[in-house]
Amino acid sequence: MYFIAVALSFALCASLFMLSIYSGALVEQSCSRISFFHHVVAAILGAWAHYCYQEHLDEAAFGANDRFPVAVLLQHFNLGYFLYDTVHVAVWDQKFLEHHFIAIAGYASSEIANVFGLANAVNTWITEVGSLMYSAYLIKRSDHLYLAFVLCYTLSRMYFAYWSLVVLNQVWEVLQNGAGARVMPFWAPYCAASLQILLFGVNATFVATHWRKLLKRSKRDEKTD
């Protein structure tokens, strides 16, 4: 019964997608709708987990997941969604495959090791807020809104950089001083560090991509003036 939320999340996202298709929406539009639904729910659950366990953030990387049920619920919801969406990404939008594989690896390894759940929850709300910003921009595209999005997105990724350093510092302490009373597999610190660095790298790439697009727009506008 522990993983029922994974199956329910997968089934819910797949059902919402089929309902969107039957309502007459195109595949791309339907995928966007489910993606937006995931962004909203994941951002809310992630922020709620951060708020509920803010006094335990010094244990975010290696505190037992069982102590953070909201973070576990979010993790299972995310696993169900990314398993569902990987099918669509593999068919229609392969550039996100790397991101999805990293996300699934992070959530799955956290479940196996029973640690890193709270760190993943904080990772989730930070990254999903950025995705919500982009979705908001897509509703009404304009150069001014894109500039606002890029600036806000960059600020959110700066906070993500800070949070990544917090997580890596917790990893370093375990590697230097040992796990102590905490129970985890020997590979957990290495996996936590690797996945955090990979996730930050993917998000840093997104920042660079948006800045390149913004600079291209600026140059284009200068030529038309």
N, C-alpha and C. Protein backbone atom coordinates (compact mmCIF):
# COMPACT_ATOMS: atom_id res chain seq x y z
N MET A 1 0.81 -1.21 0.00
CA MET A 1 0.00 0.00 0.00
C MET A 1 0.85 1.27 0.00
N TYR A 2 2.15 1.12 0.41
CA TYR A 2 3.00 2.29 0.59
C TYR A 2 3.13 3.09 -0.70
N PHE A 3 3.20 2.38 -1.85
CA PHE A 3 3.44 3.06 -3.13
C PHE A 3 2.16 3.31 -3.91
N ILE A 4 1.01 3.22 -3.25
CA ILE A 4 -0.24 3.39 -3.98
C ILE A 4 -0.34 4.79 -4.59
N ALA A 5 0.29 5.79 -3.95
CA ALA A 5 0.23 7.15 -4.48
C ALA A 5 0.93 7.26 -5.83
N VAL A 6 1.95 6.41 -6.07
CA VAL A 6 2.64 6.41 -7.37
C VAL A 6 1.67 5.97 -8.46
N ALA A 7 0.98 4.85 -8.21
CA ALA A 7 0.02 4.34 -9.19
C ALA A 7 -1.15 5.30 -9.38
N LEU A 8 -1.62 5.89 -8.29
CA LEU A 8 -2.73 6.84 -8.40
C LEU A 8 -2.33 8.08 -9.18
N SER A 9 -1.11 8.57 -8.95
CA SER A 9 -0.62 9.73 -9.67
C SER A 9 -0.51 9.43 -11.17
N PHE A 10 0.06 8.27 -11.50
CA PHE A 10 0.18 7.86 -12.90
C PHE A 10 -1.20 7.78 -13.55
N ALA A 11 -2.13 7.12 -12.86
CA ALA A 11 -3.48 6.94 -13.41
C ALA A 11 -4.21 8.27 -13.55
N LEU A 12 -4.05 9.15 -12.56
CA LEU A 12 -4.71 10.45 -12.60
C LEU A 12 -4.20 11.27 -13.79
N CYS A 13 -2.89 11.33 -13.95
CA CYS A 13 -2.32 12.13 -15.05
C CYS A 13 -2.72 11.55 -16.40
N ALA A 14 -2.68 10.23 -16.53
CA ALA A 14 -3.07 9.59 -17.79
C ALA A 14 -4.55 9.83 -18.09
N SER A 15 -5.39 9.76 -17.06
CA SER A 15 -6.83 9.98 -17.24
C SER A 15 -7.12 11.42 -17.65
N LEU A 16 -6.45 12.37 -17.00
CA LEU A 16 -6.64 13.78 -17.35
C LEU A 16 -6.19 14.05 -18.78
N PHE A 17 -5.11 13.39 -19.19
CA PHE A 17 -4.64 13.54 -20.56
C PHE A 17 -5.68 13.03 -21.56
N MET A 18 -6.24 11.84 -21.29
CA MET A 18 -7.24 11.27 -22.19
C MET A 18 -8.49 12.13 -22.23
N LEU A 19 -8.90 12.67 -21.09
CA LEU A 19 -10.07 13.56 -21.06
C LEU A 19 -9.82 14.80 -21.89
N SER A 20 -8.59 15.32 -21.82
CA SER A 20 -8.25 16.50 -22.62
C SER A 20 -8.30 16.18 -24.11
N ILE A 21 -7.79 15.03 -24.47
CA ILE A 21 -7.82 14.61 -25.88
C ILE A 21 -9.26 14.46 -26.36
N TYR A 22 -10.10 13.80 -25.54
CA TYR A 22 -11.49 13.59 -25.94
C TYR A 22 -12.29 14.89 -25.99
N SER A 23 -11.79 15.91 -25.29
CA SER A 23 -12.48 17.20 -25.32
C SER A 23 -12.17 17.97 -26.60
N GLY A 24 -11.24 17.44 -27.41
CA GLY A 24 -10.91 18.07 -28.67
C GLY A 24 -9.56 18.76 -28.71
N ALA A 25 -8.83 18.73 -27.61
CA ALA A 25 -7.51 19.37 -27.56
C ALA A 25 -6.48 18.54 -28.31
N LEU A 26 -5.49 19.21 -28.86
CA LEU A 26 -4.39 18.52 -29.52
C LEU A 26 -3.47 17.89 -28.48
N VAL A 27 -2.60 17.00 -28.95
CA VAL A 27 -1.69 16.29 -28.04
C VAL A 27 -0.80 17.28 -27.28
N GLU A 28 -0.21 18.24 -28.01
CA GLU A 28 0.69 19.21 -27.37
C GLU A 28 -0.04 20.02 -26.30
N GLN A 29 -1.25 20.45 -26.62
CA GLN A 29 -2.04 21.22 -25.66
C GLN A 29 -2.40 20.38 -24.44
N SER A 30 -2.75 19.12 -24.68
CA SER A 30 -3.11 18.22 -23.58
C SER A 30 -1.91 17.97 -22.67
N CYS A 31 -0.75 17.76 -23.27
CA CYS A 31 0.47 17.57 -22.48
C CYS A 31 0.76 18.80 -21.63
N SER A 32 0.57 19.97 -22.22
CA SER A 32 0.81 21.21 -21.49
C SER A 32 -0.14 21.36 -20.31
N ARG A 33 -1.38 20.95 -20.50
CA ARG A 33 -2.36 21.04 -19.41
C ARG A 33 -1.96 20.15 -18.23
N ILE A 34 -1.56 18.91 -18.52
CA ILE A 34 -1.17 17.98 -17.45
C ILE A 34 0.12 18.46 -16.79
N SER A 35 1.01 19.00 -17.60
CA SER A 35 2.26 19.52 -17.05
C SER A 35 1.98 20.67 -16.09
N PHE A 36 1.06 21.55 -16.47
CA PHE A 36 0.71 22.68 -15.60
C PHE A 36 0.07 22.18 -14.30
N PHE A 37 -0.80 21.18 -14.42
CA PHE A 37 -1.40 20.57 -13.23
C PHE A 37 -0.33 20.04 -12.29
N HIS A 38 0.66 19.36 -12.86
CA HIS A 38 1.76 18.82 -12.04
C HIS A 38 2.57 19.94 -11.39
N HIS A 39 2.87 20.99 -12.17
CA HIS A 39 3.63 22.11 -11.62
C HIS A 39 2.95 22.69 -10.38
N VAL A 40 1.64 22.89 -10.48
CA VAL A 40 0.89 23.51 -9.38
C VAL A 40 0.89 22.62 -8.15
N VAL A 41 0.50 21.35 -8.33
CA VAL A 41 0.40 20.43 -7.19
C VAL A 41 1.78 20.21 -6.55
N ALA A 42 2.80 19.99 -7.38
CA ALA A 42 4.14 19.72 -6.86
C ALA A 42 4.71 20.93 -6.13
N ALA A 43 4.49 22.12 -6.68
CA ALA A 43 5.00 23.34 -6.03
C ALA A 43 4.33 23.53 -4.67
N ILE A 44 3.01 23.29 -4.59
CA ILE A 44 2.28 23.46 -3.33
C ILE A 44 2.75 22.43 -2.30
N LEU A 45 2.83 21.16 -2.70
CA LEU A 45 3.26 20.11 -1.77
C LEU A 45 4.71 20.33 -1.33
N GLY A 46 5.57 20.75 -2.27
CA GLY A 46 6.97 20.99 -1.93
C GLY A 46 7.12 22.13 -0.94
N ALA A 47 6.41 23.22 -1.20
CA ALA A 47 6.47 24.37 -0.29
C ALA A 47 5.88 24.01 1.07
N TRP A 48 4.82 23.20 1.07
CA TRP A 48 4.21 22.78 2.33
C TRP A 48 5.17 21.90 3.13
N ALA A 49 5.87 20.99 2.45
CA ALA A 49 6.86 20.14 3.13
C ALA A 49 7.98 20.99 3.71
N HIS A 50 8.44 21.96 2.93
CA HIS A 50 9.50 22.88 3.39
C HIS A 50 9.03 23.60 4.65
N TYR A 51 7.80 24.08 4.64
CA TYR A 51 7.26 24.82 5.79
C TYR A 51 7.10 23.89 7.00
N CYS A 52 6.54 22.71 6.79
CA CYS A 52 6.27 21.79 7.90
C CYS A 52 7.55 21.34 8.60
N TYR A 53 8.61 21.15 7.81
CA TYR A 53 9.85 20.58 8.36
C TYR A 53 11.01 21.56 8.33
N GLN A 54 10.70 22.85 8.40
CA GLN A 54 11.76 23.86 8.29
C GLN A 54 12.79 23.75 9.41
N GLU A 55 12.39 23.21 10.55
CA GLU A 55 13.33 23.05 11.66
C GLU A 55 14.25 21.84 11.47
N HIS A 56 13.99 21.06 10.43
CA HIS A 56 14.80 19.85 10.19
C HIS A 56 15.58 19.93 8.87
N LEU A 57 15.73 21.13 8.33
CA LEU A 57 16.42 21.26 7.05
C LEU A 57 17.88 20.86 7.14
N ASP A 58 18.45 20.89 8.35
CA ASP A 58 19.83 20.44 8.50
C ASP A 58 19.95 18.93 8.35
N GLU A 59 18.78 18.24 8.29
CA GLU A 59 18.75 16.80 8.06
C GLU A 59 18.09 16.47 6.72
N ALA A 60 17.95 17.47 5.86
CA ALA A 60 17.19 17.29 4.61
C ALA A 60 17.76 16.18 3.74
N ALA A 61 19.08 16.07 3.69
CA ALA A 61 19.69 15.09 2.79
C ALA A 61 19.64 13.68 3.36
N PHE A 62 19.82 13.53 4.68
CA PHE A 62 19.99 12.19 5.24
C PHE A 62 19.08 11.86 6.42
N GLY A 63 18.08 12.69 6.68
CA GLY A 63 17.06 12.31 7.65
C GLY A 63 16.18 11.24 7.02
N ALA A 64 15.73 10.30 7.82
CA ALA A 64 14.90 9.19 7.29
C ALA A 64 13.61 9.73 6.68
N ASN A 65 13.29 9.27 5.49
CA ASN A 65 12.08 9.72 4.80
C ASN A 65 10.82 9.51 5.64
N ASP A 66 10.81 8.44 6.45
CA ASP A 66 9.63 8.12 7.25
C ASP A 66 9.24 9.26 8.18
N ARG A 67 10.18 10.13 8.49
CA ARG A 67 9.91 11.25 9.41
C ARG A 67 9.24 12.42 8.70
N PHE A 68 9.17 12.37 7.35
CA PHE A 68 8.66 13.50 6.58
C PHE A 68 7.57 13.03 5.61
N PRO A 69 6.39 12.67 6.14
CA PRO A 69 5.34 12.08 5.29
C PRO A 69 4.87 12.98 4.15
N VAL A 70 4.85 14.30 4.35
CA VAL A 70 4.43 15.19 3.25
C VAL A 70 5.44 15.10 2.11
N ALA A 71 6.72 15.04 2.45
CA ALA A 71 7.76 14.92 1.43
C ALA A 71 7.65 13.58 0.70
N VAL A 72 7.30 12.53 1.43
CA VAL A 72 7.13 11.21 0.80
C VAL A 72 5.94 11.22 -0.16
N LEU A 73 4.83 11.84 0.26
CA LEU A 73 3.66 11.95 -0.62
C LEU A 73 4.03 12.68 -1.90
N LEU A 74 4.75 13.77 -1.77
CA LEU A 74 5.18 14.53 -2.94
C LEU A 74 6.06 13.67 -3.83
N GLN A 75 6.98 12.93 -3.22
CA GLN A 75 7.89 12.09 -4.00
C GLN A 75 7.13 11.04 -4.80
N HIS A 76 6.11 10.45 -4.20
CA HIS A 76 5.32 9.43 -4.89
C HIS A 76 4.46 10.06 -6.00
N PHE A 77 3.94 11.24 -5.72
CA PHE A 77 3.19 11.97 -6.76
C PHE A 77 4.11 12.28 -7.95
N ASN A 78 5.33 12.72 -7.66
CA ASN A 78 6.28 13.03 -8.72
C ASN A 78 6.68 11.80 -9.52
N LEU A 79 6.91 10.69 -8.82
CA LEU A 79 7.27 9.46 -9.53
C LEU A 79 6.18 9.05 -10.51
N GLY A 80 4.93 9.09 -10.06
CA GLY A 80 3.82 8.73 -10.94
C GLY A 80 3.75 9.65 -12.15
N TYR A 81 3.91 10.96 -11.91
CA TYR A 81 3.83 11.91 -13.02
C TYR A 81 4.98 11.70 -14.00
N PHE A 82 6.21 11.59 -13.53
CA PHE A 82 7.34 11.47 -14.45
C PHE A 82 7.34 10.14 -15.20
N LEU A 83 6.85 9.09 -14.58
CA LEU A 83 6.71 7.82 -15.31
C LEU A 83 5.70 7.98 -16.44
N TYR A 84 4.58 8.66 -16.14
CA TYR A 84 3.57 8.95 -17.17
C TYR A 84 4.16 9.82 -18.27
N ASP A 85 4.81 10.92 -17.88
CA ASP A 85 5.24 11.90 -18.87
C ASP A 85 6.44 11.44 -19.69
N THR A 86 7.23 10.50 -19.16
CA THR A 86 8.36 9.98 -19.93
C THR A 86 7.89 9.34 -21.22
N VAL A 87 6.71 8.73 -21.19
CA VAL A 87 6.15 8.13 -22.41
C VAL A 87 5.93 9.22 -23.46
N HIS A 88 5.35 10.35 -23.07
CA HIS A 88 5.09 11.44 -24.00
C HIS A 88 6.38 12.10 -24.47
N VAL A 89 7.31 12.28 -23.53
CA VAL A 89 8.58 12.91 -23.88
C VAL A 89 9.35 12.05 -24.88
N ALA A 90 9.33 10.74 -24.68
CA ALA A 90 10.05 9.83 -25.57
C ALA A 90 9.50 9.90 -26.99
N VAL A 91 8.22 10.19 -27.11
CA VAL A 91 7.58 10.22 -28.43
C VAL A 91 7.64 11.61 -29.07
N TRP A 92 7.36 12.66 -28.28
CA TRP A 92 7.15 13.98 -28.87
C TRP A 92 8.20 15.05 -28.52
N ASP A 93 8.91 14.88 -27.42
CA ASP A 93 9.78 15.99 -26.99
C ASP A 93 11.03 15.45 -26.31
N GLN A 94 11.89 14.79 -27.09
CA GLN A 94 13.02 14.05 -26.53
C GLN A 94 14.04 14.90 -25.78
N LYS A 95 14.02 16.21 -25.97
CA LYS A 95 15.03 17.04 -25.31
C LYS A 95 14.87 17.03 -23.79
N PHE A 96 13.70 16.61 -23.29
CA PHE A 96 13.48 16.55 -21.85
C PHE A 96 13.76 15.17 -21.26
N LEU A 97 14.20 14.22 -22.09
CA LEU A 97 14.45 12.86 -21.59
C LEU A 97 15.50 12.85 -20.49
N GLU A 98 16.60 13.59 -20.71
CA GLU A 98 17.67 13.64 -19.71
C GLU A 98 17.14 14.14 -18.37
N HIS A 99 16.37 15.23 -18.43
CA HIS A 99 15.78 15.80 -17.21
C HIS A 99 14.89 14.78 -16.50
N HIS A 100 14.05 14.07 -17.26
CA HIS A 100 13.13 13.11 -16.67
C HIS A 100 13.88 11.92 -16.06
N PHE A 101 14.91 11.44 -16.74
CA PHE A 101 15.68 10.31 -16.21
C PHE A 101 16.38 10.69 -14.91
N ILE A 102 16.91 11.91 -14.85
CA ILE A 102 17.56 12.39 -13.62
C ILE A 102 16.53 12.47 -12.49
N ALA A 103 15.36 13.01 -12.81
CA ALA A 103 14.30 13.14 -11.79
C ALA A 103 13.87 11.77 -11.27
N ILE A 104 13.61 10.84 -12.18
CA ILE A 104 13.18 9.49 -11.76
C ILE A 104 14.28 8.80 -10.95
N ALA A 105 15.52 8.95 -11.40
CA ALA A 105 16.64 8.34 -10.66
C ALA A 105 16.74 8.92 -9.25
N GLY A 106 16.54 10.22 -9.14
CA GLY A 106 16.61 10.87 -7.84
C GLY A 106 15.53 10.39 -6.90
N TYR A 107 14.29 10.33 -7.39
CA TYR A 107 13.19 9.89 -6.54
C TYR A 107 13.30 8.40 -6.20
N ALA A 108 13.66 7.58 -7.18
CA ALA A 108 13.75 6.14 -6.95
C ALA A 108 14.88 5.79 -5.97
N SER A 109 16.05 6.42 -6.15
CA SER A 109 17.16 6.14 -5.24
C SER A 109 16.84 6.61 -3.83
N SER A 110 16.09 7.71 -3.71
CA SER A 110 15.67 8.18 -2.40
C SER A 110 14.75 7.17 -1.72
N GLU A 111 13.85 6.56 -2.50
CA GLU A 111 12.97 5.55 -1.94
C GLU A 111 13.75 4.32 -1.47
N ILE A 112 14.73 3.92 -2.26
CA ILE A 112 15.52 2.73 -1.91
C ILE A 112 16.35 2.98 -0.65
N ALA A 113 16.98 4.16 -0.59
CA ALA A 113 17.86 4.48 0.53
C ALA A 113 17.10 4.98 1.75
N ASN A 114 15.84 5.41 1.57
CA ASN A 114 15.01 5.99 2.63
C ASN A 114 15.62 7.27 3.21
N VAL A 115 16.32 8.00 2.38
CA VAL A 115 16.83 9.32 2.76
C VAL A 115 16.64 10.27 1.58
N PHE A 116 16.92 11.54 1.79
CA PHE A 116 16.91 12.57 0.75
C PHE A 116 15.51 13.03 0.35
N GLY A 117 14.49 12.51 1.02
CA GLY A 117 13.12 12.90 0.66
C GLY A 117 12.85 14.38 0.89
N LEU A 118 13.30 14.92 2.03
CA LEU A 118 13.05 16.33 2.31
C LEU A 118 13.85 17.22 1.37
N ALA A 119 15.08 16.84 1.07
CA ALA A 119 15.89 17.60 0.11
C ALA A 119 15.22 17.62 -1.25
N ASN A 120 14.67 16.49 -1.65
CA ASN A 120 13.94 16.43 -2.93
C ASN A 120 12.72 17.33 -2.92
N ALA A 121 12.04 17.43 -1.77
CA ALA A 121 10.85 18.29 -1.68
C ALA A 121 11.23 19.75 -1.91
N VAL A 122 12.34 20.18 -1.30
CA VAL A 122 12.79 21.56 -1.50
C VAL A 122 13.23 21.76 -2.95
N ASN A 123 13.98 20.79 -3.48
CA ASN A 123 14.35 20.84 -4.91
C ASN A 123 13.12 21.03 -5.78
N THR A 124 12.06 20.29 -5.44
CA THR A 124 10.86 20.28 -6.27
C THR A 124 10.18 21.64 -6.31
N TRP A 125 9.93 22.24 -5.14
CA TRP A 125 9.17 23.50 -5.19
C TRP A 125 9.98 24.59 -5.87
N ILE A 126 11.30 24.59 -5.70
CA ILE A 126 12.11 25.62 -6.36
C ILE A 126 12.03 25.46 -7.88
N THR A 127 12.22 24.24 -8.36
CA THR A 127 12.21 24.02 -9.80
C THR A 127 10.82 24.20 -10.40
N GLU A 128 9.78 23.78 -9.66
CA GLU A 128 8.42 23.89 -10.20
C GLU A 128 7.94 25.33 -10.23
N VAL A 129 8.38 26.16 -9.30
CA VAL A 129 8.03 27.58 -9.35
C VAL A 129 8.56 28.20 -10.65
N GLY A 130 9.77 27.81 -11.04
CA GLY A 130 10.31 28.29 -12.32
C GLY A 130 9.47 27.84 -13.49
N SER A 131 9.01 26.60 -13.44
CA SER A 131 8.16 26.08 -14.51
C SER A 131 6.82 26.82 -14.56
N LEU A 132 6.28 27.16 -13.40
CA LEU A 132 5.03 27.93 -13.36
C LEU A 132 5.22 29.32 -13.95
N MET A 133 6.39 29.92 -13.69
CA MET A 133 6.69 31.23 -14.29
C MET A 133 6.65 31.14 -15.81
N TYR A 134 7.24 30.09 -16.36
CA TYR A 134 7.27 29.94 -17.81
C TYR A 134 5.87 29.71 -18.36
N SER A 135 5.09 28.90 -17.64
CA SER A 135 3.72 28.65 -18.08
C SER A 135 2.91 29.95 -18.08
N ALA A 136 3.13 30.79 -17.09
CA ALA A 136 2.44 32.08 -17.03
C ALA A 136 2.83 32.96 -18.22
N TYR A 137 4.12 32.93 -18.57
CA TYR A 137 4.58 33.70 -19.74
C TYR A 137 3.91 33.21 -21.02
N LEU A 138 3.75 31.90 -21.14
CA LEU A 138 3.17 31.33 -22.37
C LEU A 138 1.72 31.74 -22.57
N ILE A 139 1.03 32.10 -21.48
CA ILE A 139 -0.37 32.51 -21.60
C ILE A 139 -0.50 33.78 -22.45
N LYS A 140 0.43 34.71 -22.22
CA LYS A 140 0.42 35.95 -23.00
C LYS A 140 1.85 36.35 -23.31
N ARG A 141 2.34 35.91 -24.44
CA ARG A 141 3.74 36.13 -24.80
C ARG A 141 3.99 37.57 -25.21
N SER A 142 5.07 38.13 -24.65
CA SER A 142 5.54 39.45 -25.06
C SER A 142 6.99 39.57 -24.63
N ASP A 143 7.71 40.51 -25.24
CA ASP A 143 9.12 40.68 -24.90
C ASP A 143 9.30 41.14 -23.46
N HIS A 144 8.41 42.00 -23.00
CA HIS A 144 8.51 42.50 -21.62
C HIS A 144 8.25 41.37 -20.61
N LEU A 145 7.26 40.54 -20.89
CA LEU A 145 6.97 39.43 -19.99
C LEU A 145 8.10 38.40 -20.01
N TYR A 146 8.71 38.22 -21.18
CA TYR A 146 9.82 37.26 -21.26
C TYR A 146 11.01 37.76 -20.45
N LEU A 147 11.27 39.06 -20.52
CA LEU A 147 12.35 39.65 -19.71
C LEU A 147 12.06 39.44 -18.23
N ALA A 148 10.82 39.68 -17.80
CA ALA A 148 10.45 39.50 -16.39
C ALA A 148 10.61 38.03 -15.99
N PHE A 149 10.19 37.13 -16.89
CA PHE A 149 10.34 35.71 -16.61
C PHE A 149 11.80 35.33 -16.43
N VAL A 150 12.67 35.76 -17.34
CA VAL A 150 14.08 35.38 -17.28
C VAL A 150 14.73 35.90 -16.00
N LEU A 151 14.40 37.12 -15.61
CA LEU A 151 14.97 37.69 -14.39
C LEU A 151 14.50 36.91 -13.15
N CYS A 152 13.19 36.64 -13.07
CA CYS A 152 12.65 35.89 -11.93
C CYS A 152 13.17 34.45 -11.92
N TYR A 153 13.25 33.85 -13.11
CA TYR A 153 13.74 32.48 -13.23
C TYR A 153 15.19 32.41 -12.77
N THR A 154 15.98 33.41 -13.14
CA THR A 154 17.39 33.44 -12.74
C THR A 154 17.52 33.56 -11.23
N LEU A 155 16.68 34.41 -10.62
CA LEU A 155 16.70 34.55 -9.16
C LEU A 155 16.35 33.24 -8.47
N SER A 156 15.37 32.53 -9.00
CA SER A 156 14.97 31.26 -8.39
C SER A 156 16.10 30.24 -8.50
N ARG A 157 16.85 30.28 -9.61
CA ARG A 157 17.97 29.34 -9.78
C ARG A 157 19.18 29.75 -8.94
N MET A 158 19.28 31.03 -8.60
CA MET A 158 20.32 31.45 -7.67
C MET A 158 20.04 30.88 -6.28
N TYR A 159 18.76 30.90 -5.89
CA TYR A 159 18.39 30.26 -4.62
C TYR A 159 18.63 28.76 -4.69
N PHE A 160 18.36 28.18 -5.86
CA PHE A 160 18.60 26.75 -6.03
C PHE A 160 20.09 26.43 -5.90
N ALA A 161 20.94 27.33 -6.39
CA ALA A 161 22.38 27.15 -6.24
C ALA A 161 22.76 27.14 -4.76
N TYR A 162 22.17 28.09 -3.99
CA TYR A 162 22.42 28.13 -2.55
C TYR A 162 21.97 26.83 -1.90
N TRP A 163 20.75 26.37 -2.25
CA TRP A 163 20.23 25.14 -1.65
C TRP A 163 21.10 23.95 -2.01
N SER A 164 21.60 23.90 -3.22
CA SER A 164 22.49 22.82 -3.64
C SER A 164 23.75 22.79 -2.80
N LEU A 165 24.27 23.96 -2.47
CA LEU A 165 25.45 24.03 -1.60
C LEU A 165 25.14 23.52 -0.20
N VAL A 166 23.93 23.81 0.29
CA VAL A 166 23.50 23.29 1.59
C VAL A 166 23.50 21.76 1.57
N VAL A 167 22.90 21.18 0.52
CA VAL A 167 22.84 19.73 0.40
C VAL A 167 24.23 19.13 0.29
N LEU A 168 25.07 19.72 -0.55
CA LEU A 168 26.43 19.20 -0.74
C LEU A 168 27.25 19.31 0.55
N ASN A 169 26.99 20.34 1.34
CA ASN A 169 27.68 20.46 2.63
C ASN A 169 27.27 19.33 3.57
N GLN A 170 25.98 18.95 3.54
CA GLN A 170 25.53 17.82 4.36
C GLN A 170 26.17 16.52 3.89
N VAL A 171 26.32 16.39 2.59
CA VAL A 171 27.00 15.21 2.05
C VAL A 171 28.46 15.17 2.52
N TRP A 172 29.11 16.32 2.45
CA TRP A 172 30.52 16.41 2.85
C TRP A 172 30.70 16.03 4.33
N GLU A 173 29.78 16.48 5.17
CA GLU A 173 29.87 16.16 6.60
C GLU A 173 29.76 14.66 6.84
N VAL A 174 28.86 13.99 6.11
CA VAL A 174 28.71 12.54 6.26
C VAL A 174 29.96 11.82 5.76
N LEU A 175 30.50 12.27 4.64
CA LEU A 175 31.70 11.64 4.09
C LEU A 175 32.90 11.84 5.02
N GLN A 176 32.96 12.98 5.67
CA GLN A 176 34.08 13.28 6.56
C GLN A 176 33.94 12.62 7.93
N ASN A 177 32.71 12.63 8.48
CA ASN A 177 32.52 12.20 9.87
C ASN A 177 31.77 10.89 10.01
N GLY A 178 31.26 10.36 8.91
CA GLY A 178 30.49 9.13 8.97
C GLY A 178 29.01 9.40 9.18
N ALA A 179 28.20 8.37 9.01
CA ALA A 179 26.75 8.51 9.10
C ALA A 179 26.26 8.62 10.54
N GLY A 180 27.06 8.18 11.51
CA GLY A 180 26.63 8.23 12.91
C GLY A 180 25.45 7.30 13.14
N ALA A 181 24.42 7.82 13.79
CA ALA A 181 23.24 7.00 14.11
C ALA A 181 22.30 6.85 12.92
N ARG A 182 22.54 7.59 11.87
CA ARG A 182 21.66 7.54 10.70
C ARG A 182 21.89 6.25 9.92
N VAL A 183 20.81 5.68 9.42
CA VAL A 183 20.87 4.42 8.68
C VAL A 183 20.70 4.72 7.20
N MET A 184 21.69 4.32 6.41
CA MET A 184 21.62 4.54 4.96
C MET A 184 22.61 3.60 4.27
N PRO A 185 22.41 3.28 3.01
CA PRO A 185 23.39 2.49 2.27
C PRO A 185 24.68 3.29 2.07
N PHE A 186 25.79 2.60 1.86
CA PHE A 186 27.08 3.27 1.72
C PHE A 186 27.11 4.21 0.52
N TRP A 187 26.28 3.90 -0.50
CA TRP A 187 26.31 4.69 -1.73
C TRP A 187 25.44 5.94 -1.66
N ALA A 188 24.64 6.08 -0.60
CA ALA A 188 23.68 7.18 -0.53
C ALA A 188 24.33 8.56 -0.64
N PRO A 189 25.43 8.86 0.08
CA PRO A 189 26.03 10.20 -0.04
C PRO A 189 26.53 10.50 -1.46
N TYR A 190 27.12 9.51 -2.10
CA TYR A 190 27.64 9.71 -3.46
C TYR A 190 26.49 9.93 -4.44
N CYS A 191 25.43 9.16 -4.25
CA CYS A 191 24.26 9.30 -5.12
C CYS A 191 23.60 10.67 -4.91
N ALA A 192 23.47 11.08 -3.64
CA ALA A 192 22.85 12.37 -3.33
C ALA A 192 23.62 13.51 -3.96
N ALA A 193 24.95 13.47 -3.82
CA ALA A 193 25.79 14.53 -4.39
C ALA A 193 25.69 14.55 -5.92
N SER A 194 25.79 13.37 -6.53
CA SER A 194 25.78 13.28 -8.00
C SER A 194 24.47 13.81 -8.57
N LEU A 195 23.35 13.39 -7.97
CA LEU A 195 22.05 13.79 -8.50
C LEU A 195 21.79 15.27 -8.26
N GLN A 196 22.23 15.80 -7.12
CA GLN A 196 22.04 17.23 -6.86
C GLN A 196 22.83 18.06 -7.86
N ILE A 197 24.07 17.64 -8.14
CA ILE A 197 24.90 18.35 -9.11
C ILE A 197 24.30 18.27 -10.50
N LEU A 198 23.81 17.08 -10.87
CA LEU A 198 23.19 16.91 -12.19
C LEU A 198 21.94 17.78 -12.32
N LEU A 199 21.12 17.78 -11.29
CA LEU A 199 19.88 18.58 -11.33
C LEU A 199 20.20 20.06 -11.44
N PHE A 200 21.19 20.50 -10.67
CA PHE A 200 21.58 21.90 -10.77
C PHE A 200 22.15 22.20 -12.15
N GLY A 201 22.93 21.27 -12.70
CA GLY A 201 23.50 21.46 -14.03
C GLY A 201 22.43 21.62 -15.10
N VAL A 202 21.39 20.79 -15.02
CA VAL A 202 20.29 20.87 -15.98
C VAL A 202 19.60 22.23 -15.87
N ASN A 203 19.35 22.68 -14.64
CA ASN A 203 18.69 23.96 -14.44
C ASN A 203 19.57 25.13 -14.85
N ALA A 204 20.87 25.02 -14.62
CA ALA A 204 21.80 26.07 -15.07
C ALA A 204 21.80 26.16 -16.59
N THR A 205 21.68 25.00 -17.25
CA THR A 205 21.60 24.98 -18.72
C THR A 205 20.35 25.70 -19.20
N PHE A 206 19.22 25.46 -18.50
CA PHE A 206 17.98 26.16 -18.86
C PHE A 206 18.14 27.67 -18.72
N VAL A 207 18.80 28.11 -17.64
CA VAL A 207 19.04 29.55 -17.44
C VAL A 207 19.84 30.11 -18.60
N ALA A 208 20.93 29.43 -18.96
CA ALA A 208 21.78 29.89 -20.06
C ALA A 208 21.00 29.95 -21.37
N THR A 209 20.14 28.95 -21.60
CA THR A 209 19.33 28.92 -22.82
C THR A 209 18.39 30.12 -22.89
N HIS A 210 17.74 30.43 -21.78
CA HIS A 210 16.80 31.56 -21.78
C HIS A 210 17.53 32.90 -21.93
N TRP A 211 18.71 33.02 -21.34
CA TRP A 211 19.48 34.26 -21.52
C TRP A 211 19.94 34.42 -22.97
N ARG A 212 20.31 33.32 -23.62
CA ARG A 212 20.69 33.39 -25.04
C ARG A 212 19.50 33.85 -25.87
N LYS A 213 18.33 33.30 -25.60
CA LYS A 213 17.12 33.71 -26.33
C LYS A 213 16.81 35.19 -26.09
N LEU A 214 17.00 35.63 -24.84
CA LEU A 214 16.72 37.02 -24.52
C LEU A 214 17.68 37.95 -25.25
N LEU A 215 18.95 37.58 -25.31
CA LEU A 215 19.94 38.40 -26.01
C LEU A 215 19.67 38.44 -27.51
N LYS A 216 19.23 37.32 -28.08
CA LYS A 216 18.87 37.29 -29.50
C LYS A 216 17.70 38.23 -29.78
N ARG A 217 16.73 38.24 -28.87
CA ARG A 217 15.58 39.14 -29.05
C ARG A 217 16.04 40.59 -28.99
N SER A 218 16.95 40.89 -28.08
CA SER A 218 17.45 42.26 -27.94
C SER A 218 18.17 42.71 -29.20
N LYS A 219 19.00 41.83 -29.75
CA LYS A 219 19.72 42.16 -30.99
C LYS A 219 18.76 42.34 -32.15
N ARG A 220 17.72 41.50 -32.18
CA ARG A 220 16.72 41.61 -33.25
C ARG A 220 15.99 42.93 -33.16
N ASP A 221 15.64 43.34 -31.94
CA ASP A 221 14.92 44.60 -31.74
C ASP A 221 15.80 45.79 -32.12
N GLU A 222 17.11 45.68 -31.83
CA GLU A 222 18.03 46.76 -32.17
C GLU A 222 18.12 46.95 -33.68
N LYS A 223 18.07 45.85 -34.42
CA LYS A 223 18.16 45.91 -35.89
C LYS A 223 16.90 46.52 -36.50
N THR A 224 15.76 46.28 -35.85
CA THR A 224 14.48 46.78 -36.39
C THR A 224 14.25 48.23 -36.04
N ASP A 225 14.99 48.75 -35.02
CA ASP A 225 14.81 50.17 -34.63
C ASP A 225 15.43 51.12 -35.66
